[in-house]
Amino acid sequence: MAVKKELLDILACPKCKGDIKLNESENGLVCDTCRLMYHIKDDIPIMLIDEAVTLQE
């Protein structure tokens, strides 16, 4: 079961408070502004800045 759209609508990047979106493989949430990806483990978004992965440009 993937992250529900209702949850995606209310979640924001914890670093910049901007919009996030589900990545193509649906295993993480991406903030385009901060270039960070927050992993999703067991259908739970891990919204911790320290655990986010920096995306390559």
PDB file of N, CA and C in Angstrom:
ATOM      1  N   MET A   1       0.846  -1.192   0.000  1.00  0.00           N
ATOM      2  CA  MET A   1       0.000   0.000   0.000  1.00  0.00           C
ATOM      3  C   MET A   1       0.880   1.240   0.000  1.00  0.00           C
ATOM      4  N   ALA A   2       0.676   2.097  -0.932  1.00  0.00           N
ATOM      5  CA  ALA A   2       1.474   3.322  -1.052  1.00  0.00           C
ATOM      6  C   ALA A   2       0.929   4.411  -0.132  1.00  0.00           C
ATOM      7  N   VAL A   3       1.667   5.487  -0.042  1.00  0.00           N
ATOM      8  CA  VAL A   3       1.229   6.635   0.742  1.00  0.00           C
ATOM      9  C   VAL A   3      -0.014   7.222   0.084  1.00  0.00           C
ATOM     10  N   LYS A   4      -1.031   7.481   0.883  1.00  0.00           N
ATOM     11  CA  LYS A   4      -2.293   7.981   0.347  1.00  0.00           C
ATOM     12  C   LYS A   4      -2.176   9.436  -0.081  1.00  0.00           C
ATOM     13  N   LYS A   5      -2.959   9.798  -1.103  1.00  0.00           N
ATOM     14  CA  LYS A   5      -2.949  11.156  -1.633  1.00  0.00           C
ATOM     15  C   LYS A   5      -3.326  12.169  -0.562  1.00  0.00           C
ATOM     16  N   GLU A   6      -4.238  11.819   0.321  1.00  0.00           N
ATOM     17  CA  GLU A   6      -4.652  12.734   1.383  1.00  0.00           C
ATOM     18  C   GLU A   6      -3.474  13.089   2.292  1.00  0.00           C
ATOM     19  N   LEU A   7      -2.609  12.111   2.554  1.00  0.00           N
ATOM     20  CA  LEU A   7      -1.429  12.359   3.375  1.00  0.00           C
ATOM     21  C   LEU A   7      -0.428  13.227   2.612  1.00  0.00           C
ATOM     22  N   LEU A   8      -0.230  12.932   1.335  1.00  0.00           N
ATOM     23  CA  LEU A   8       0.687  13.735   0.524  1.00  0.00           C
ATOM     24  C   LEU A   8       0.246  15.201   0.452  1.00  0.00           C
ATOM     25  N   ASP A   9      -1.054  15.425   0.454  1.00  0.00           N
ATOM     26  CA  ASP A   9      -1.577  16.789   0.368  1.00  0.00           C
ATOM     27  C   ASP A   9      -1.239  17.627   1.597  1.00  0.00           C
ATOM     28  N   ILE A  10      -1.064  16.998   2.753  1.00  0.00           N
ATOM     29  CA  ILE A  10      -0.805  17.766   3.973  1.00  0.00           C
ATOM     30  C   ILE A  10       0.658  17.742   4.404  1.00  0.00           C
ATOM     31  N   LEU A  11       1.457  16.831   3.861  1.00  0.00           N
ATOM     32  CA  LEU A  11       2.871  16.770   4.225  1.00  0.00           C
ATOM     33  C   LEU A  11       3.655  17.894   3.557  1.00  0.00           C
ATOM     34  N   ALA A  12       4.670  18.371   4.259  1.00  0.00           N
ATOM     35  CA  ALA A  12       5.566  19.395   3.715  1.00  0.00           C
ATOM     36  C   ALA A  12       6.991  19.018   4.090  1.00  0.00           C
ATOM     37  N   CYS A  13       7.933  19.544   3.351  1.00  0.00           N
ATOM     38  CA  CYS A  13       9.343  19.308   3.650  1.00  0.00           C
ATOM     39  C   CYS A  13       9.647  19.895   5.031  1.00  0.00           C
ATOM     40  N   PRO A  14      10.245  19.103   5.920  1.00  0.00           N
ATOM     41  CA  PRO A  14      10.544  19.620   7.258  1.00  0.00           C
ATOM     42  C   PRO A  14      11.649  20.685   7.262  1.00  0.00           C
ATOM     43  N   LYS A  15      12.441  20.745   6.200  1.00  0.00           N
ATOM     44  CA  LYS A  15      13.529  21.718   6.161  1.00  0.00           C
ATOM     45  C   LYS A  15      13.052  23.088   5.668  1.00  0.00           C
ATOM     46  N   CYS A  16      12.349  23.124   4.528  1.00  0.00           N
ATOM     47  CA  CYS A  16      11.947  24.413   3.947  1.00  0.00           C
ATOM     48  C   CYS A  16      10.435  24.668   4.026  1.00  0.00           C
ATOM     49  N   LYS A  17       9.691  23.666   4.475  1.00  0.00           N
ATOM     50  CA  LYS A  17       8.221  23.736   4.557  1.00  0.00           C
ATOM     51  C   LYS A  17       7.558  23.802   3.195  1.00  0.00           C
ATOM     52  N   GLY A  18       8.305  23.431   2.138  1.00  0.00           N
ATOM     53  CA  GLY A  18       7.774  23.451   0.777  1.00  0.00           C
ATOM     54  C   GLY A  18       7.062  22.154   0.424  1.00  0.00           C
ATOM     55  N   ASP A  19       6.574  22.111  -0.791  1.00  0.00           N
ATOM     56  CA  ASP A  19       5.845  20.945  -1.291  1.00  0.00           C
ATOM     57  C   ASP A  19       6.784  19.764  -1.512  1.00  0.00           C
ATOM     58  N   ILE A  20       6.247  18.577  -1.306  1.00  0.00           N
ATOM     59  CA  ILE A  20       6.974  17.348  -1.604  1.00  0.00           C
ATOM     60  C   ILE A  20       6.112  16.496  -2.520  1.00  0.00           C
ATOM     61  N   LYS A  21       6.772  15.581  -3.225  1.00  0.00           N
ATOM     62  CA  LYS A  21       6.036  14.700  -4.132  1.00  0.00           C
ATOM     63  C   LYS A  21       6.624  13.298  -4.039  1.00  0.00           C
ATOM     64  N   LEU A  22       5.843  12.343  -4.414  1.00  0.00           N
ATOM     65  CA  LEU A  22       6.279  10.954  -4.450  1.00  0.00           C
ATOM     66  C   LEU A  22       7.237  10.768  -5.610  1.00  0.00           C
ATOM     67  N   ASN A  23       8.349  10.069  -5.383  1.00  0.00           N
ATOM     68  CA  ASN A  23       9.296   9.836  -6.479  1.00  0.00           C
ATOM     69  C   ASN A  23       8.750   8.757  -7.412  1.00  0.00           C
ATOM     70  N   GLU A  24       9.438   8.560  -8.539  1.00  0.00           N
ATOM     71  CA  GLU A  24       8.950   7.636  -9.572  1.00  0.00           C
ATOM     72  C   GLU A  24       8.829   6.203  -9.076  1.00  0.00           C
ATOM     73  N   SER A  25       9.771   5.757  -8.244  1.00  0.00           N
ATOM     74  CA  SER A  25       9.720   4.374  -7.751  1.00  0.00           C
ATOM     75  C   SER A  25       8.837   4.230  -6.514  1.00  0.00           C
ATOM     76  N   GLU A  26       8.240   5.331  -6.065  1.00  0.00           N
ATOM     77  CA  GLU A  26       7.311   5.359  -4.936  1.00  0.00           C
ATOM     78  C   GLU A  26       7.916   4.824  -3.642  1.00  0.00           C
ATOM     79  N   ASN A  27       9.222   5.029  -3.463  1.00  0.00           N
ATOM     80  CA  ASN A  27       9.850   4.607  -2.201  1.00  0.00           C
ATOM     81  C   ASN A  27      10.400   5.803  -1.430  1.00  0.00           C
ATOM     82  N   GLY A  28      10.027   7.005  -1.856  1.00  0.00           N
ATOM     83  CA  GLY A  28      10.496   8.199  -1.173  1.00  0.00           C
ATOM     84  C   GLY A  28       9.709   9.428  -1.566  1.00  0.00           C
ATOM     85  N   LEU A  29       9.837  10.460  -0.742  1.00  0.00           N
ATOM     86  CA  LEU A  29       9.206  11.744  -0.996  1.00  0.00           C
ATOM     87  C   LEU A  29      10.303  12.751  -1.304  1.00  0.00           C
ATOM     88  N   VAL A  30      10.128  13.519  -2.361  1.00  0.00           N
ATOM     89  CA  VAL A  30      11.170  14.411  -2.855  1.00  0.00           C
ATOM     90  C   VAL A  30      10.756  15.869  -2.679  1.00  0.00           C
ATOM     91  N   CYS A  31      11.712  16.666  -2.177  1.00  0.00           N
ATOM     92  CA  CYS A  31      11.561  18.121  -2.139  1.00  0.00           C
ATOM     93  C   CYS A  31      12.492  18.678  -3.208  1.00  0.00           C
ATOM     94  N   ASP A  32      11.925  19.267  -4.262  1.00  0.00           N
ATOM     95  CA  ASP A  32      12.732  19.814  -5.349  1.00  0.00           C
ATOM     96  C   ASP A  32      13.515  21.050  -4.902  1.00  0.00           C
ATOM     97  N   THR A  33      12.988  21.806  -3.957  1.00  0.00           N
ATOM     98  CA  THR A  33      13.662  23.019  -3.488  1.00  0.00           C
ATOM     99  C   THR A  33      14.951  22.687  -2.737  1.00  0.00           C
ATOM    100  N   CYS A  34      14.868  21.756  -1.799  1.00  0.00           N
ATOM    101  CA  CYS A  34      16.031  21.377  -0.985  1.00  0.00           C
ATOM    102  C   CYS A  34      16.881  20.291  -1.641  1.00  0.00           C
ATOM    103  N   ARG A  35      16.347  19.655  -2.691  1.00  0.00           N
ATOM    104  CA  ARG A  35      17.021  18.527  -3.356  1.00  0.00           C
ATOM    105  C   ARG A  35      17.265  17.390  -2.369  1.00  0.00           C
ATOM    106  N   LEU A  36      16.234  17.082  -1.565  1.00  0.00           N
ATOM    107  CA  LEU A  36      16.304  15.994  -0.593  1.00  0.00           C
ATOM    108  C   LEU A  36      15.230  14.971  -0.885  1.00  0.00           C
ATOM    109  N   MET A  37      15.527  13.702  -0.537  1.00  0.00           N
ATOM    110  CA  MET A  37      14.529  12.645  -0.616  1.00  0.00           C
ATOM    111  C   MET A  37      14.396  12.022   0.763  1.00  0.00           C
ATOM    112  N   TYR A  38      13.162  11.913   1.212  1.00  0.00           N
ATOM    113  CA  TYR A  38      12.830  11.281   2.484  1.00  0.00           C
ATOM    114  C   TYR A  38      12.299   9.891   2.174  1.00  0.00           C
ATOM    115  N   HIS A  39      12.923   8.872   2.737  1.00  0.00           N
ATOM    116  CA  HIS A  39      12.531   7.491   2.467  1.00  0.00           C
ATOM    117  C   HIS A  39      11.162   7.171   3.061  1.00  0.00           C
ATOM    118  N   ILE A  40      10.516   6.168   2.458  1.00  0.00           N
ATOM    119  CA  ILE A  40       9.266   5.617   2.979  1.00  0.00           C
ATOM    120  C   ILE A  40       9.573   4.183   3.382  1.00  0.00           C
ATOM    121  N   LYS A  41       9.370   3.865   4.663  1.00  0.00           N
ATOM    122  CA  LYS A  41       9.623   2.514   5.171  1.00  0.00           C
ATOM    123  C   LYS A  41       8.338   1.967   5.773  1.00  0.00           C
ATOM    124  N   ASP A  42       7.925   0.796   5.314  1.00  0.00           N
ATOM    125  CA  ASP A  42       6.679   0.170   5.777  1.00  0.00           C
ATOM    126  C   ASP A  42       5.494   1.116   5.661  1.00  0.00           C
ATOM    127  N   ASP A  43       5.431   1.821   4.514  1.00  0.00           N
ATOM    128  CA  ASP A  43       4.353   2.770   4.200  1.00  0.00           C
ATOM    129  C   ASP A  43       4.327   3.989   5.119  1.00  0.00           C
ATOM    130  N   ILE A  44       5.431   4.267   5.824  1.00  0.00           N
ATOM    131  CA  ILE A  44       5.514   5.421   6.714  1.00  0.00           C
ATOM    132  C   ILE A  44       6.629   6.340   6.223  1.00  0.00           C
ATOM    133  N   PRO A  45       6.310   7.590   5.883  1.00  0.00           N
ATOM    134  CA  PRO A  45       7.348   8.528   5.462  1.00  0.00           C
ATOM    135  C   PRO A  45       8.255   8.880   6.652  1.00  0.00           C
ATOM    136  N   ILE A  46       9.561   8.786   6.441  1.00  0.00           N
ATOM    137  CA  ILE A  46      10.535   9.131   7.476  1.00  0.00           C
ATOM    138  C   ILE A  46      10.954  10.577   7.208  1.00  0.00           C
ATOM    139  N   MET A  47      10.287  11.504   7.862  1.00  0.00           N
ATOM    140  CA  MET A  47      10.459  12.929   7.583  1.00  0.00           C
ATOM    141  C   MET A  47      11.478  13.574   8.522  1.00  0.00           C
ATOM    142  N   LEU A  48      12.646  12.964   8.630  1.00  0.00           N
ATOM    143  CA  LEU A  48      13.726  13.485   9.456  1.00  0.00           C
ATOM    144  C   LEU A  48      14.820  14.035   8.544  1.00  0.00           C
ATOM    145  N   ILE A  49      15.189  15.286   8.752  1.00  0.00           N
ATOM    146  CA  ILE A  49      16.193  15.920   7.899  1.00  0.00           C
ATOM    147  C   ILE A  49      17.505  15.146   7.937  1.00  0.00           C
ATOM    148  N   ASP A  50      17.896  14.661   9.100  1.00  0.00           N
ATOM    149  CA  ASP A  50      19.163  13.928   9.248  1.00  0.00           C
ATOM    150  C   ASP A  50      19.184  12.611   8.476  1.00  0.00           C
ATOM    151  N   GLU A  51      18.031  12.049   8.190  1.00  0.00           N
ATOM    152  CA  GLU A  51      17.959  10.781   7.471  1.00  0.00           C
ATOM    153  C   GLU A  51      17.648  10.945   5.979  1.00  0.00           C
ATOM    154  N   ALA A  52      17.456  12.175   5.542  1.00  0.00           N
ATOM    155  CA  ALA A  52      17.150  12.448   4.137  1.00  0.00           C
ATOM    156  C   ALA A  52      18.397  12.237   3.285  1.00  0.00           C
ATOM    157  N   VAL A  53      18.172  11.909   2.031  1.00  0.00           N
ATOM    158  CA  VAL A  53      19.248  11.683   1.067  1.00  0.00           C
ATOM    159  C   VAL A  53      19.309  12.876   0.130  1.00  0.00           C
ATOM    160  N   THR A  54      20.502  13.427  -0.060  1.00  0.00           N
ATOM    161  CA  THR A  54      20.691  14.536  -0.994  1.00  0.00           C
ATOM    162  C   THR A  54      20.665  14.002  -2.422  1.00  0.00           C
ATOM    163  N   LEU A  55      19.856  14.636  -3.257  1.00  0.00           N
ATOM    164  CA  LEU A  55      19.720  14.214  -4.654  1.00  0.00           C
ATOM    165  C   LEU A  55      20.794  14.870  -5.516  1.00  0.00           C
ATOM    166  N   GLN A  56      21.235  14.133  -6.517  1.00  0.00           N
ATOM    167  CA  GLN A  56      22.189  14.664  -7.469  1.00  0.00           C
ATOM    168  C   GLN A  56      21.472  15.549  -8.486  1.00  0.00           C
ATOM    169  N   GLU A  57      22.162  16.525  -8.998  1.00  0.00           N
ATOM    170  CA  GLU A  57      21.533  17.422  -9.988  1.00  0.00           C
ATOM    171  C   GLU A  57      21.687  16.914 -11.383  1.00  0.00           C
TER     172      GLU A  57
END
